[in-house]
Amino acid sequence: MTRNILTDTWDDLNVVSGPRGLFTYGYNAFSSVYHTAFGMALAALLNVIPVSMIVIGFLNMEQCAVEPYLPKWLIWMGALLLVKYAVDTTLRIYKVCCAKEAPLSDIHHFGPLDWIFSGFITMCFLLGSYWLYGTFGRAQFTMSEYTDYCDILTYGSVFVIILLIYVILFALCCVFCVCCGVMCWKTKVDRERYQMANMVQAAVSSL
């Protein structure tokens, strides 16, 4: 019988303990889905987003006087995402072909490269937020001869991407809080059941 890796990964939620364990479980579950053929094909398809960011940034490099770093931010963030995808894919192929790792291994370690890329992407995201919201409300998109002008496609792309990241982070925080609440409730229920079982066993033993 073939072992269902994804089912095993989701079943592991029953034995998760603590926020650290929840983070590890979430990372392994996401990695298990990501490393399926469908997940990798979807990730490859989504590369159109960072490619579009780079193209828009290059085409409008000199078209955002209100904040010249916004087009550059599109290029930097798009390049980081593409490089991370290329490195992840290369390492995955190497592990499967050369290190003989199972294509759907249910354990995925958060390695040094993951931390490095996560750090760079986080810094880039924070810088983009600073540059974007520093111009919010004072940028105009029609008169290119003025110093408060910015190309609307460039500005809109940065705004949508950063807003989407904030929405995703907020959703993840909500899910994490709900899962922590469920875990605390489950721990309390298990403790009460254990105490009740001990009381019943003690009562039976005294008869």
N, C-alpha and C. Protein backbone atom coordinates (compact mmCIF):
# COMPACT_ATOMS: atom_id res chain seq x y z
N MET A 1 0.85 -1.20 0.00
CA MET A 1 0.00 0.00 0.00
C MET A 1 0.89 1.25 0.00
N THR A 2 0.54 2.19 -0.83
CA THR A 2 1.33 3.42 -0.92
C THR A 2 0.98 4.36 0.22
N ARG A 3 2.01 4.93 0.83
CA ARG A 3 1.80 5.84 1.95
C ARG A 3 1.38 7.21 1.43
N ASN A 4 0.35 7.76 2.00
CA ASN A 4 -0.12 9.09 1.60
C ASN A 4 0.59 10.13 2.45
N ILE A 5 1.59 10.80 1.86
CA ILE A 5 2.40 11.75 2.62
C ILE A 5 1.58 12.93 3.09
N LEU A 6 0.71 13.45 2.22
CA LEU A 6 -0.06 14.63 2.58
C LEU A 6 -1.02 14.33 3.72
N THR A 7 -1.66 13.15 3.66
CA THR A 7 -2.57 12.77 4.74
C THR A 7 -1.82 12.63 6.05
N ASP A 8 -0.63 12.01 5.99
CA ASP A 8 0.18 11.87 7.21
C ASP A 8 0.56 13.23 7.77
N THR A 9 0.88 14.16 6.89
CA THR A 9 1.28 15.49 7.35
C THR A 9 0.13 16.18 8.06
N TRP A 10 -1.07 16.12 7.48
CA TRP A 10 -2.21 16.77 8.12
C TRP A 10 -2.59 16.06 9.42
N ASP A 11 -2.43 14.71 9.47
CA ASP A 11 -2.74 13.99 10.69
C ASP A 11 -1.80 14.37 11.83
N ASP A 12 -0.59 14.85 11.50
CA ASP A 12 0.37 15.22 12.53
C ASP A 12 -0.10 16.40 13.36
N LEU A 13 -1.13 17.12 12.92
CA LEU A 13 -1.63 18.27 13.68
C LEU A 13 -2.14 17.82 15.06
N ASN A 14 -2.55 16.57 15.15
CA ASN A 14 -3.07 16.08 16.43
C ASN A 14 -2.00 16.00 17.51
N VAL A 15 -0.72 15.95 17.11
CA VAL A 15 0.35 15.82 18.10
C VAL A 15 1.19 17.08 18.20
N VAL A 16 0.74 18.18 17.59
CA VAL A 16 1.48 19.44 17.67
C VAL A 16 1.36 19.99 19.08
N SER A 17 2.48 20.48 19.61
CA SER A 17 2.46 21.08 20.95
C SER A 17 3.28 22.35 20.94
N GLY A 18 2.66 23.47 21.32
CA GLY A 18 3.37 24.73 21.44
C GLY A 18 3.45 25.49 20.13
N PRO A 19 3.69 26.81 20.21
CA PRO A 19 3.79 27.65 19.01
C PRO A 19 4.90 27.21 18.07
N ARG A 20 6.05 26.77 18.63
CA ARG A 20 7.15 26.33 17.79
C ARG A 20 6.76 25.10 16.98
N GLY A 21 6.09 24.16 17.65
CA GLY A 21 5.62 22.97 16.95
C GLY A 21 4.60 23.31 15.89
N LEU A 22 3.75 24.30 16.17
CA LEU A 22 2.75 24.73 15.20
C LEU A 22 3.42 25.35 13.98
N PHE A 23 4.47 26.16 14.20
CA PHE A 23 5.21 26.75 13.09
C PHE A 23 5.85 25.67 12.23
N THR A 24 6.48 24.68 12.90
CA THR A 24 7.13 23.59 12.17
C THR A 24 6.11 22.78 11.38
N TYR A 25 4.97 22.52 12.00
CA TYR A 25 3.91 21.78 11.30
C TYR A 25 3.44 22.55 10.07
N GLY A 26 3.18 23.86 10.24
CA GLY A 26 2.71 24.67 9.12
C GLY A 26 3.72 24.71 7.99
N TYR A 27 4.99 24.84 8.33
CA TYR A 27 6.03 24.87 7.30
C TYR A 27 6.10 23.55 6.56
N ASN A 28 6.05 22.42 7.30
CA ASN A 28 6.11 21.11 6.66
C ASN A 28 4.88 20.85 5.79
N ALA A 29 3.70 21.27 6.27
CA ALA A 29 2.48 21.09 5.49
C ALA A 29 2.55 21.88 4.19
N PHE A 30 2.99 23.16 4.29
CA PHE A 30 3.11 23.98 3.09
C PHE A 30 4.14 23.40 2.13
N SER A 31 5.28 22.94 2.67
CA SER A 31 6.33 22.39 1.82
C SER A 31 5.88 21.11 1.14
N SER A 32 5.09 20.29 1.85
CA SER A 32 4.59 19.05 1.26
C SER A 32 3.68 19.34 0.07
N VAL A 33 2.84 20.36 0.20
CA VAL A 33 1.96 20.75 -0.91
C VAL A 33 2.78 21.38 -2.03
N TYR A 34 3.74 22.24 -1.65
CA TYR A 34 4.55 22.96 -2.64
C TYR A 34 5.36 22.00 -3.50
N HIS A 35 5.86 20.90 -2.89
CA HIS A 35 6.74 19.99 -3.61
C HIS A 35 5.99 18.89 -4.36
N THR A 36 4.67 18.98 -4.44
CA THR A 36 3.95 18.10 -5.35
C THR A 36 4.10 18.64 -6.77
N ALA A 37 3.77 17.81 -7.76
CA ALA A 37 3.88 18.25 -9.15
C ALA A 37 2.97 19.45 -9.39
N PHE A 38 1.76 19.41 -8.82
CA PHE A 38 0.83 20.53 -8.99
C PHE A 38 1.37 21.79 -8.35
N GLY A 39 1.92 21.66 -7.13
CA GLY A 39 2.46 22.82 -6.43
C GLY A 39 3.61 23.46 -7.17
N MET A 40 4.51 22.63 -7.70
CA MET A 40 5.66 23.17 -8.42
C MET A 40 5.24 23.79 -9.74
N ALA A 41 4.23 23.20 -10.40
CA ALA A 41 3.73 23.78 -11.64
C ALA A 41 3.06 25.13 -11.37
N LEU A 42 2.30 25.21 -10.28
CA LEU A 42 1.65 26.47 -9.91
C LEU A 42 2.69 27.53 -9.57
N ALA A 43 3.74 27.14 -8.84
CA ALA A 43 4.81 28.09 -8.50
C ALA A 43 5.50 28.60 -9.75
N ALA A 44 5.74 27.70 -10.72
CA ALA A 44 6.36 28.13 -11.97
C ALA A 44 5.45 29.11 -12.72
N LEU A 45 4.14 28.83 -12.70
CA LEU A 45 3.20 29.72 -13.38
C LEU A 45 3.15 31.09 -12.71
N LEU A 46 3.24 31.11 -11.39
CA LEU A 46 3.18 32.37 -10.65
C LEU A 46 4.43 33.23 -10.83
N ASN A 47 5.46 32.67 -11.47
CA ASN A 47 6.66 33.47 -11.73
C ASN A 47 6.39 34.61 -12.69
N VAL A 48 5.22 34.59 -13.34
CA VAL A 48 4.86 35.71 -14.20
C VAL A 48 4.74 37.00 -13.39
N ILE A 49 4.45 36.89 -12.10
CA ILE A 49 4.31 38.08 -11.26
C ILE A 49 5.65 38.78 -11.05
N PRO A 50 6.71 38.08 -10.54
CA PRO A 50 7.99 38.78 -10.41
C PRO A 50 8.59 39.22 -11.74
N VAL A 51 8.35 38.45 -12.80
CA VAL A 51 8.84 38.88 -14.12
C VAL A 51 8.17 40.18 -14.53
N SER A 52 6.86 40.27 -14.31
CA SER A 52 6.13 41.51 -14.62
C SER A 52 6.63 42.67 -13.77
N MET A 53 6.95 42.40 -12.50
CA MET A 53 7.48 43.45 -11.64
C MET A 53 8.78 44.01 -12.20
N ILE A 54 9.67 43.11 -12.63
CA ILE A 54 10.96 43.55 -13.17
C ILE A 54 10.76 44.37 -14.44
N VAL A 55 9.88 43.90 -15.32
CA VAL A 55 9.64 44.61 -16.59
C VAL A 55 9.06 46.00 -16.32
N ILE A 56 8.07 46.08 -15.45
CA ILE A 56 7.46 47.38 -15.13
C ILE A 56 8.49 48.32 -14.51
N GLY A 57 9.32 47.78 -13.63
CA GLY A 57 10.35 48.61 -12.99
C GLY A 57 11.34 49.16 -13.99
N PHE A 58 11.80 48.32 -14.92
CA PHE A 58 12.76 48.77 -15.92
C PHE A 58 12.15 49.79 -16.88
N LEU A 59 10.92 49.54 -17.31
CA LEU A 59 10.28 50.44 -18.27
C LEU A 59 9.98 51.81 -17.68
N ASN A 60 9.81 51.88 -16.38
CA ASN A 60 9.44 53.15 -15.74
C ASN A 60 10.48 53.60 -14.71
N MET A 61 11.74 53.27 -14.99
CA MET A 61 12.81 53.60 -14.06
C MET A 61 12.89 55.09 -13.76
N GLU A 62 12.63 55.92 -14.75
CA GLU A 62 12.75 57.37 -14.59
C GLU A 62 11.38 58.05 -14.54
N GLN A 63 10.34 57.27 -14.25
CA GLN A 63 8.99 57.82 -14.31
C GLN A 63 8.32 57.90 -12.94
N CYS A 64 9.11 58.08 -11.90
CA CYS A 64 8.52 58.22 -10.56
C CYS A 64 9.36 59.20 -9.75
N ALA A 65 9.22 60.47 -10.08
CA ALA A 65 10.02 61.50 -9.42
C ALA A 65 9.68 61.64 -7.94
N VAL A 66 8.45 61.35 -7.57
CA VAL A 66 8.05 61.52 -6.18
C VAL A 66 8.81 60.56 -5.25
N GLU A 67 9.18 59.39 -5.77
CA GLU A 67 10.00 58.44 -5.03
C GLU A 67 10.71 57.53 -6.03
N PRO A 68 11.94 57.89 -6.42
CA PRO A 68 12.66 57.13 -7.45
C PRO A 68 12.93 55.67 -7.08
N TYR A 69 12.82 55.33 -5.80
CA TYR A 69 13.12 53.96 -5.39
C TYR A 69 11.97 52.99 -5.66
N LEU A 70 10.78 53.48 -5.96
CA LEU A 70 9.66 52.57 -6.20
C LEU A 70 9.87 51.67 -7.41
N PRO A 71 10.29 52.20 -8.59
CA PRO A 71 10.59 51.29 -9.71
C PRO A 71 11.73 50.33 -9.38
N LYS A 72 12.74 50.83 -8.67
CA LYS A 72 13.86 49.97 -8.29
C LYS A 72 13.39 48.87 -7.34
N TRP A 73 12.44 49.21 -6.47
CA TRP A 73 11.92 48.21 -5.54
C TRP A 73 11.26 47.07 -6.29
N LEU A 74 10.51 47.39 -7.34
CA LEU A 74 9.89 46.34 -8.15
C LEU A 74 10.94 45.40 -8.72
N ILE A 75 12.05 45.97 -9.19
CA ILE A 75 13.12 45.16 -9.77
C ILE A 75 13.78 44.30 -8.69
N TRP A 76 14.09 44.90 -7.55
CA TRP A 76 14.76 44.16 -6.48
C TRP A 76 13.89 43.02 -5.96
N MET A 77 12.63 43.32 -5.67
CA MET A 77 11.75 42.29 -5.12
C MET A 77 11.49 41.19 -6.14
N GLY A 78 11.25 41.56 -7.39
CA GLY A 78 11.04 40.56 -8.43
C GLY A 78 12.25 39.67 -8.62
N ALA A 79 13.44 40.28 -8.60
CA ALA A 79 14.67 39.49 -8.77
C ALA A 79 14.88 38.55 -7.59
N LEU A 80 14.61 39.02 -6.37
CA LEU A 80 14.75 38.16 -5.19
C LEU A 80 13.83 36.94 -5.28
N LEU A 81 12.58 37.17 -5.68
CA LEU A 81 11.63 36.07 -5.78
C LEU A 81 12.04 35.07 -6.84
N LEU A 82 12.54 35.56 -7.98
CA LEU A 82 12.98 34.66 -9.05
C LEU A 82 14.21 33.86 -8.64
N VAL A 83 15.16 34.54 -7.99
CA VAL A 83 16.37 33.84 -7.55
C VAL A 83 16.02 32.78 -6.50
N LYS A 84 15.13 33.13 -5.57
CA LYS A 84 14.72 32.15 -4.56
C LYS A 84 14.05 30.94 -5.20
N TYR A 85 13.19 31.19 -6.18
CA TYR A 85 12.54 30.07 -6.87
C TYR A 85 13.57 29.20 -7.58
N ALA A 86 14.53 29.84 -8.26
CA ALA A 86 15.55 29.09 -8.99
C ALA A 86 16.40 28.26 -8.03
N VAL A 87 16.80 28.85 -6.90
CA VAL A 87 17.61 28.13 -5.92
C VAL A 87 16.82 26.97 -5.32
N ASP A 88 15.57 27.21 -4.93
CA ASP A 88 14.73 26.15 -4.35
C ASP A 88 14.55 25.00 -5.33
N THR A 89 14.28 25.33 -6.59
CA THR A 89 14.07 24.29 -7.60
C THR A 89 15.34 23.50 -7.85
N THR A 90 16.48 24.20 -7.95
CA THR A 90 17.76 23.53 -8.17
C THR A 90 18.10 22.59 -7.03
N LEU A 91 17.94 23.06 -5.79
CA LEU A 91 18.22 22.22 -4.63
C LEU A 91 17.28 21.02 -4.57
N ARG A 92 16.03 21.24 -4.94
CA ARG A 92 15.06 20.14 -4.90
C ARG A 92 15.43 19.07 -5.92
N ILE A 93 15.80 19.49 -7.13
CA ILE A 93 16.19 18.54 -8.17
C ILE A 93 17.45 17.78 -7.75
N TYR A 94 18.40 18.51 -7.14
CA TYR A 94 19.64 17.87 -6.69
C TYR A 94 19.35 16.82 -5.62
N LYS A 95 18.48 17.16 -4.65
CA LYS A 95 18.18 16.22 -3.57
C LYS A 95 17.49 14.97 -4.09
N VAL A 96 16.59 15.15 -5.07
CA VAL A 96 15.85 14.01 -5.60
C VAL A 96 16.75 13.14 -6.48
N CYS A 97 17.55 13.79 -7.34
CA CYS A 97 18.35 13.05 -8.33
C CYS A 97 19.67 12.54 -7.76
N CYS A 98 20.33 13.35 -6.94
CA CYS A 98 21.68 13.00 -6.47
C CYS A 98 21.69 12.49 -5.04
N ALA A 99 20.88 13.09 -4.17
CA ALA A 99 20.86 12.66 -2.77
C ALA A 99 19.82 11.59 -2.51
N LYS A 100 19.07 11.19 -3.54
CA LYS A 100 18.08 10.12 -3.44
C LYS A 100 17.01 10.40 -2.40
N GLU A 101 16.58 11.66 -2.29
CA GLU A 101 15.50 12.01 -1.37
C GLU A 101 14.17 11.76 -2.05
N ALA A 102 13.18 11.31 -1.30
CA ALA A 102 11.85 11.06 -1.85
C ALA A 102 11.26 12.35 -2.37
N PRO A 103 10.62 12.36 -3.56
CA PRO A 103 10.05 13.58 -4.11
C PRO A 103 9.02 14.22 -3.20
N LEU A 104 8.31 13.41 -2.40
CA LEU A 104 7.29 13.95 -1.51
C LEU A 104 7.64 13.71 -0.05
N SER A 105 8.90 13.95 0.29
CA SER A 105 9.32 13.80 1.68
C SER A 105 8.47 14.68 2.57
N ASP A 106 8.04 14.13 3.73
CA ASP A 106 7.13 14.87 4.59
C ASP A 106 7.85 15.74 5.61
N ILE A 107 9.20 15.76 5.58
CA ILE A 107 9.97 16.60 6.49
C ILE A 107 10.82 17.55 5.67
N HIS A 108 10.66 18.82 5.88
CA HIS A 108 11.40 19.85 5.16
C HIS A 108 12.00 20.82 6.17
N HIS A 109 13.33 20.88 6.17
CA HIS A 109 14.01 21.71 7.15
C HIS A 109 14.15 23.14 6.64
N PHE A 110 13.98 24.09 7.56
CA PHE A 110 14.15 25.51 7.24
C PHE A 110 15.64 25.81 7.35
N GLY A 111 16.35 25.72 6.21
CA GLY A 111 17.80 25.80 6.20
C GLY A 111 18.34 27.21 6.16
N PRO A 112 19.68 27.35 6.15
CA PRO A 112 20.32 28.67 6.14
C PRO A 112 19.90 29.53 4.95
N LEU A 113 19.79 28.91 3.76
CA LEU A 113 19.38 29.69 2.59
C LEU A 113 17.97 30.24 2.75
N ASP A 114 17.10 29.46 3.37
CA ASP A 114 15.74 29.94 3.61
C ASP A 114 15.75 31.16 4.52
N TRP A 115 16.57 31.11 5.58
CA TRP A 115 16.67 32.25 6.49
C TRP A 115 17.25 33.47 5.78
N ILE A 116 18.27 33.26 4.94
CA ILE A 116 18.90 34.39 4.24
C ILE A 116 17.90 35.05 3.30
N PHE A 117 17.23 34.24 2.47
CA PHE A 117 16.25 34.81 1.53
C PHE A 117 15.09 35.46 2.27
N SER A 118 14.64 34.83 3.34
CA SER A 118 13.54 35.41 4.11
C SER A 118 13.94 36.75 4.69
N GLY A 119 15.19 36.86 5.16
CA GLY A 119 15.68 38.13 5.70
C GLY A 119 15.72 39.22 4.64
N PHE A 120 16.27 38.89 3.46
CA PHE A 120 16.34 39.87 2.38
C PHE A 120 14.95 40.30 1.91
N ILE A 121 14.05 39.33 1.76
CA ILE A 121 12.70 39.65 1.30
C ILE A 121 11.97 40.49 2.34
N THR A 122 12.17 40.19 3.62
CA THR A 122 11.54 40.99 4.68
C THR A 122 12.05 42.42 4.67
N MET A 123 13.37 42.59 4.54
CA MET A 123 13.94 43.94 4.49
C MET A 123 13.43 44.71 3.27
N CYS A 124 13.37 44.01 2.13
CA CYS A 124 12.88 44.65 0.91
C CYS A 124 11.42 45.06 1.07
N PHE A 125 10.63 44.20 1.69
CA PHE A 125 9.22 44.50 1.92
C PHE A 125 9.05 45.72 2.83
N LEU A 126 9.83 45.78 3.90
CA LEU A 126 9.74 46.92 4.83
C LEU A 126 10.18 48.22 4.16
N LEU A 127 11.24 48.16 3.35
CA LEU A 127 11.68 49.35 2.62
C LEU A 127 10.61 49.81 1.63
N GLY A 128 10.00 48.84 0.93
CA GLY A 128 8.94 49.19 -0.01
C GLY A 128 7.76 49.83 0.69
N SER A 129 7.40 49.32 1.86
CA SER A 129 6.31 49.91 2.63
C SER A 129 6.65 51.35 3.02
N TYR A 130 7.89 51.56 3.46
CA TYR A 130 8.31 52.91 3.86
C TYR A 130 8.26 53.88 2.69
N TRP A 131 8.80 53.47 1.54
CA TRP A 131 8.80 54.35 0.37
C TRP A 131 7.40 54.59 -0.16
N LEU A 132 6.57 53.56 -0.14
CA LEU A 132 5.21 53.71 -0.67
C LEU A 132 4.37 54.63 0.20
N TYR A 133 4.29 54.31 1.49
CA TYR A 133 3.40 55.09 2.36
C TYR A 133 3.98 56.47 2.69
N GLY A 134 5.28 56.66 2.41
CA GLY A 134 5.85 58.00 2.55
C GLY A 134 5.36 58.95 1.47
N THR A 135 4.90 58.40 0.36
CA THR A 135 4.37 59.23 -0.74
C THR A 135 2.85 59.16 -0.83
N PHE A 136 2.24 58.38 0.06
CA PHE A 136 0.79 58.18 -0.03
C PHE A 136 0.06 59.50 0.21
N GLY A 137 -0.81 59.85 -0.73
CA GLY A 137 -1.60 61.07 -0.60
C GLY A 137 -1.00 62.29 -1.26
N ARG A 138 0.29 62.24 -1.62
CA ARG A 138 0.90 63.40 -2.26
C ARG A 138 1.43 63.10 -3.66
N ALA A 139 1.31 61.85 -4.11
CA ALA A 139 1.73 61.51 -5.47
C ALA A 139 0.59 61.78 -6.44
N GLN A 140 0.93 62.31 -7.62
CA GLN A 140 -0.06 62.51 -8.68
C GLN A 140 0.43 61.79 -9.94
N PHE A 141 -0.52 61.44 -10.82
CA PHE A 141 -0.22 60.50 -11.90
C PHE A 141 -0.50 61.06 -13.30
N THR A 142 -0.64 62.35 -13.44
CA THR A 142 -1.01 62.92 -14.74
C THR A 142 0.04 63.87 -15.31
N MET A 143 0.65 64.70 -14.48
CA MET A 143 1.59 65.72 -14.97
C MET A 143 3.02 65.30 -14.67
N SER A 144 3.68 64.71 -15.68
CA SER A 144 5.00 64.12 -15.49
C SER A 144 6.10 65.15 -15.29
N GLU A 145 5.81 66.43 -15.57
CA GLU A 145 6.85 67.45 -15.42
C GLU A 145 7.05 67.89 -13.97
N TYR A 146 6.16 67.49 -13.07
CA TYR A 146 6.27 67.91 -11.67
C TYR A 146 6.99 66.84 -10.83
N THR A 147 7.54 67.31 -9.71
CA THR A 147 8.35 66.42 -8.86
C THR A 147 7.51 65.45 -8.03
N ASP A 148 6.21 65.65 -7.99
CA ASP A 148 5.36 64.72 -7.24
C ASP A 148 4.69 63.69 -8.15
N TYR A 149 5.21 63.56 -9.38
CA TYR A 149 4.62 62.64 -10.35
C TYR A 149 5.17 61.22 -10.15
N CYS A 150 4.30 60.25 -10.44
CA CYS A 150 4.74 58.85 -10.51
C CYS A 150 3.85 58.12 -11.51
N ASP A 151 4.45 57.30 -12.32
CA ASP A 151 3.69 56.50 -13.28
C ASP A 151 2.66 55.66 -12.53
N ILE A 152 1.43 55.70 -12.98
CA ILE A 152 0.34 55.05 -12.24
C ILE A 152 0.48 53.53 -12.21
N LEU A 153 1.04 52.95 -13.30
CA LEU A 153 1.23 51.50 -13.32
C LEU A 153 2.28 51.07 -12.30
N THR A 154 3.36 51.86 -12.22
CA THR A 154 4.42 51.56 -11.25
C THR A 154 3.89 51.70 -9.82
N TYR A 155 3.27 52.83 -9.54
CA TYR A 155 2.76 53.08 -8.19
C TYR A 155 1.68 52.06 -7.82
N GLY A 156 0.78 51.80 -8.77
CA GLY A 156 -0.29 50.84 -8.51
C GLY A 156 0.24 49.43 -8.27
N SER A 157 1.28 49.03 -9.02
CA SER A 157 1.86 47.70 -8.84
C SER A 157 2.47 47.55 -7.45
N VAL A 158 3.24 48.56 -7.03
CA VAL A 158 3.84 48.51 -5.69
C VAL A 158 2.74 48.47 -4.63
N PHE A 159 1.72 49.30 -4.80
CA PHE A 159 0.64 49.38 -3.81
C PHE A 159 -0.08 48.04 -3.69
N VAL A 160 -0.43 47.43 -4.83
CA VAL A 160 -1.19 46.17 -4.81
C VAL A 160 -0.35 45.05 -4.20
N ILE A 161 0.92 44.97 -4.58
CA ILE A 161 1.78 43.89 -4.07
C ILE A 161 1.97 44.01 -2.56
N ILE A 162 2.28 45.22 -2.09
CA ILE A 162 2.50 45.40 -0.65
C ILE A 162 1.21 45.19 0.13
N LEU A 163 0.09 45.68 -0.41
CA LEU A 163 -1.20 45.46 0.26
C LEU A 163 -1.52 43.97 0.32
N LEU A 164 -1.25 43.24 -0.76
CA LEU A 164 -1.51 41.80 -0.78
C LEU A 164 -0.66 41.08 0.27
N ILE A 165 0.60 41.50 0.41
CA ILE A 165 1.46 40.88 1.42
C ILE A 165 0.91 41.13 2.81
N TYR A 166 0.46 42.37 3.07
CA TYR A 166 -0.13 42.68 4.38
C TYR A 166 -1.37 41.83 4.64
N VAL A 167 -2.21 41.65 3.62
CA VAL A 167 -3.42 40.84 3.78
C VAL A 167 -3.06 39.39 4.10
N ILE A 168 -2.06 38.85 3.38
CA ILE A 168 -1.63 37.47 3.62
C ILE A 168 -1.07 37.32 5.03
N LEU A 169 -0.24 38.28 5.45
CA LEU A 169 0.33 38.23 6.80
C LEU A 169 -0.76 38.30 7.87
N PHE A 170 -1.75 39.16 7.64
CA PHE A 170 -2.85 39.27 8.60
C PHE A 170 -3.64 37.96 8.67
N ALA A 171 -3.90 37.36 7.50
CA ALA A 171 -4.63 36.09 7.47
C ALA A 171 -3.84 34.99 8.19
N LEU A 172 -2.52 34.95 7.96
CA LEU A 172 -1.69 33.95 8.63
C LEU A 172 -1.69 34.15 10.14
N CYS A 173 -1.64 35.42 10.58
CA CYS A 173 -1.69 35.70 12.01
C CYS A 173 -3.00 35.23 12.62
N CYS A 174 -4.10 35.47 11.90
CA CYS A 174 -5.42 35.02 12.39
C CYS A 174 -5.47 33.50 12.49
N VAL A 175 -4.98 32.81 11.45
CA VAL A 175 -4.97 31.35 11.48
C VAL A 175 -4.10 30.84 12.62
N PHE A 176 -2.93 31.47 12.81
CA PHE A 176 -2.03 31.06 13.88
C PHE A 176 -2.69 31.23 15.25
N CYS A 177 -3.36 32.36 15.45
CA CYS A 177 -4.03 32.61 16.73
C CYS A 177 -5.15 31.61 16.97
N VAL A 178 -5.93 31.31 15.92
CA VAL A 178 -7.01 30.33 16.05
C VAL A 178 -6.44 28.96 16.39
N CYS A 179 -5.38 28.57 15.69
CA CYS A 179 -4.77 27.26 15.94
C CYS A 179 -4.21 27.18 17.36
N CYS A 180 -3.58 28.28 17.83
CA CYS A 180 -3.07 28.30 19.21
C CYS A 180 -4.22 28.15 20.21
N GLY A 181 -5.34 28.83 19.93
CA GLY A 181 -6.50 28.71 20.80
C GLY A 181 -7.05 27.30 20.83
N VAL A 182 -7.12 26.66 19.66
CA VAL A 182 -7.60 25.28 19.59
C VAL A 182 -6.67 24.35 20.33
N MET A 183 -5.35 24.58 20.18
CA MET A 183 -4.38 23.74 20.88
C MET A 183 -4.50 23.89 22.39
N CYS A 184 -4.68 25.12 22.87
CA CYS A 184 -4.84 25.34 24.31
C CYS A 184 -6.10 24.66 24.83
N TRP A 185 -7.19 24.78 24.05
CA TRP A 185 -8.45 24.12 24.44
C TRP A 185 -8.29 22.61 24.45
N LYS A 186 -7.61 22.08 23.43
CA LYS A 186 -7.40 20.63 23.34
C LYS A 186 -6.55 20.14 24.51
N THR A 187 -5.51 20.92 24.87
CA THR A 187 -4.66 20.54 26.00
C THR A 187 -5.46 20.51 27.30
N LYS A 188 -6.33 21.51 27.47
CA LYS A 188 -7.16 21.57 28.67
C LYS A 188 -8.12 20.39 28.74
N VAL A 189 -8.75 20.08 27.61
CA VAL A 189 -9.70 18.95 27.57
C VAL A 189 -8.97 17.64 27.84
N ASP A 190 -7.79 17.46 27.23
CA ASP A 190 -7.03 16.23 27.45
C ASP A 190 -6.62 16.09 28.91
N ARG A 191 -6.25 17.21 29.55
CA ARG A 191 -5.86 17.16 30.96
C ARG A 191 -7.06 16.78 31.83
N GLU A 192 -8.23 17.37 31.53
CA GLU A 192 -9.43 17.04 32.30
C GLU A 192 -9.82 15.58 32.12
N ARG A 193 -9.69 15.08 30.89
CA ARG A 193 -10.01 13.67 30.65
C ARG A 193 -9.05 12.76 31.40
N TYR A 194 -7.78 13.15 31.41
CA TYR A 194 -6.77 12.35 32.12
C TYR A 194 -7.06 12.32 33.61
N GLN A 195 -7.40 13.49 34.17
CA GLN A 195 -7.73 13.55 35.59
C GLN A 195 -8.98 12.75 35.91
N MET A 196 -9.98 12.82 35.02
CA MET A 196 -11.21 12.07 35.23
C MET A 196 -10.94 10.57 35.17
N ALA A 197 -10.09 10.16 34.22
CA ALA A 197 -9.76 8.74 34.11
C ALA A 197 -9.04 8.25 35.36
N ASN A 198 -8.15 9.09 35.90
CA ASN A 198 -7.45 8.71 37.13
C ASN A 198 -8.41 8.58 38.30
N MET A 199 -9.39 9.51 38.37
CA MET A 199 -10.37 9.45 39.45
C MET A 199 -11.22 8.19 39.35
N VAL A 200 -11.65 7.86 38.13
CA VAL A 200 -12.45 6.65 37.93
C VAL A 200 -11.65 5.41 38.28
N GLN A 201 -10.37 5.40 37.84
CA GLN A 201 -9.53 4.25 38.14
C GLN A 201 -9.30 4.10 39.64
N ALA A 202 -9.12 5.24 40.32
CA ALA A 202 -8.93 5.20 41.78
C ALA A 202 -10.19 4.71 42.47
N ALA A 203 -11.36 5.16 41.98
CA ALA A 203 -12.63 4.73 42.58
C ALA A 203 -12.85 3.24 42.38
N VAL A 204 -12.52 2.74 41.20
CA VAL A 204 -12.68 1.31 40.92
C VAL A 204 -11.73 0.49 41.77
N SER A 205 -10.52 1.01 41.94
CA SER A 205 -9.51 0.27 42.73
C SER A 205 -9.89 0.19 44.20
N SER A 206 -10.62 1.20 44.68
CA SER A 206 -11.00 1.22 46.10
C SER A 206 -12.16 0.29 46.42
N LEU A 207 -12.84 -0.21 45.39
CA LEU A 207 -13.99 -1.10 45.62
C LEU A 207 -13.52 -2.51 46.00
